[in-house]
Amino acid sequence: MSPRPGPFDPGAEGRETHLVLENSRGRLSLWPSWRAVPAGWSAVFGPATHPACAGRVEARRR
């Protein structure tokens, strides 16, 4: 039996499962789209696939 996927796992390939959130300090977070956006954060990208969201966060780090 395989372990149950967690909320930050990539999800099914090709599915729009994540968001990119940003807080008032300009910090980004990769976030599952099915979870409520926490106070102090806003969605700035997505919902999109995990690779697309992770790429957006990584591009901003450079």
Protein backbone atom coordinates (compact mmCIF):
# COMPACT_ATOMS: atom_id res chain seq x y z
CA MET A 1 0.00 0.00 0.00
CA SER A 2 1.38 3.42 -0.93
CA PRO A 3 1.32 6.35 1.49
CA ARG A 4 -1.48 8.87 1.13
CA PRO A 5 -0.38 12.01 -0.76
CA GLY A 6 0.12 15.15 1.30
CA PRO A 7 -1.29 18.61 0.58
CA PHE A 8 1.91 19.83 -1.10
CA ASP A 9 2.50 16.83 -3.38
CA PRO A 10 2.49 17.63 -7.10
CA GLY A 11 -0.86 15.93 -7.75
CA ALA A 12 -1.99 14.35 -10.98
CA GLU A 13 0.05 15.31 -14.01
CA GLY A 14 -1.57 18.00 -16.13
CA ARG A 15 -4.08 19.02 -13.46
CA GLU A 16 -4.25 22.58 -12.16
CA THR A 17 -3.63 21.72 -8.52
CA HIS A 18 -1.62 24.65 -7.15
CA LEU A 19 -1.43 28.41 -6.69
CA VAL A 20 1.43 30.82 -6.12
CA LEU A 21 0.73 33.09 -3.16
CA GLU A 22 2.45 36.34 -2.22
CA ASN A 23 2.48 38.13 1.12
CA SER A 24 2.97 41.82 1.92
CA ARG A 25 6.76 41.31 2.14
CA GLY A 26 6.85 39.97 -1.42
CA ARG A 27 7.53 36.39 -0.36
CA LEU A 28 6.08 33.65 -2.55
CA SER A 29 4.62 30.32 -1.54
CA LEU A 30 3.56 27.29 -3.54
CA TRP A 31 0.08 26.40 -2.26
CA PRO A 32 -2.47 23.65 -3.04
CA SER A 33 -5.46 25.18 -4.82
CA TRP A 34 -8.00 23.24 -2.75
CA ARG A 35 -6.85 24.87 0.50
CA ALA A 36 -8.08 28.28 1.63
CA VAL A 37 -5.62 31.12 1.06
CA PRO A 38 -4.30 32.13 4.50
CA ALA A 39 -4.80 35.62 5.89
CA GLY A 40 -2.10 38.02 4.72
CA TRP A 41 -1.50 36.16 1.45
CA SER A 42 -3.04 36.58 -1.99
CA ALA A 43 -2.98 34.41 -5.09
CA VAL A 44 -0.77 35.91 -7.81
CA PHE A 45 -0.66 32.92 -10.20
CA GLY A 46 -2.80 29.89 -10.86
CA PRO A 47 -4.52 27.67 -10.42
CA ALA A 48 -2.01 25.89 -12.59
CA THR A 49 0.00 22.68 -12.66
CA HIS A 50 2.57 22.05 -9.95
CA PRO A 51 5.52 22.45 -12.40
CA ALA A 52 4.16 25.77 -13.71
CA CYS A 53 3.71 27.15 -10.19
CA ALA A 54 7.08 25.85 -9.00
CA GLY A 55 8.69 27.42 -12.08
CA ARG A 56 7.08 30.78 -11.29
CA VAL A 57 8.42 30.67 -7.71
CA GLU A 58 11.90 29.60 -8.89
CA ALA A 59 12.06 32.33 -11.54
CA ARG A 60 11.31 34.94 -8.90
CA ARG A 61 14.16 33.64 -6.68
CA ARG A 62 16.76 34.53 -9.31
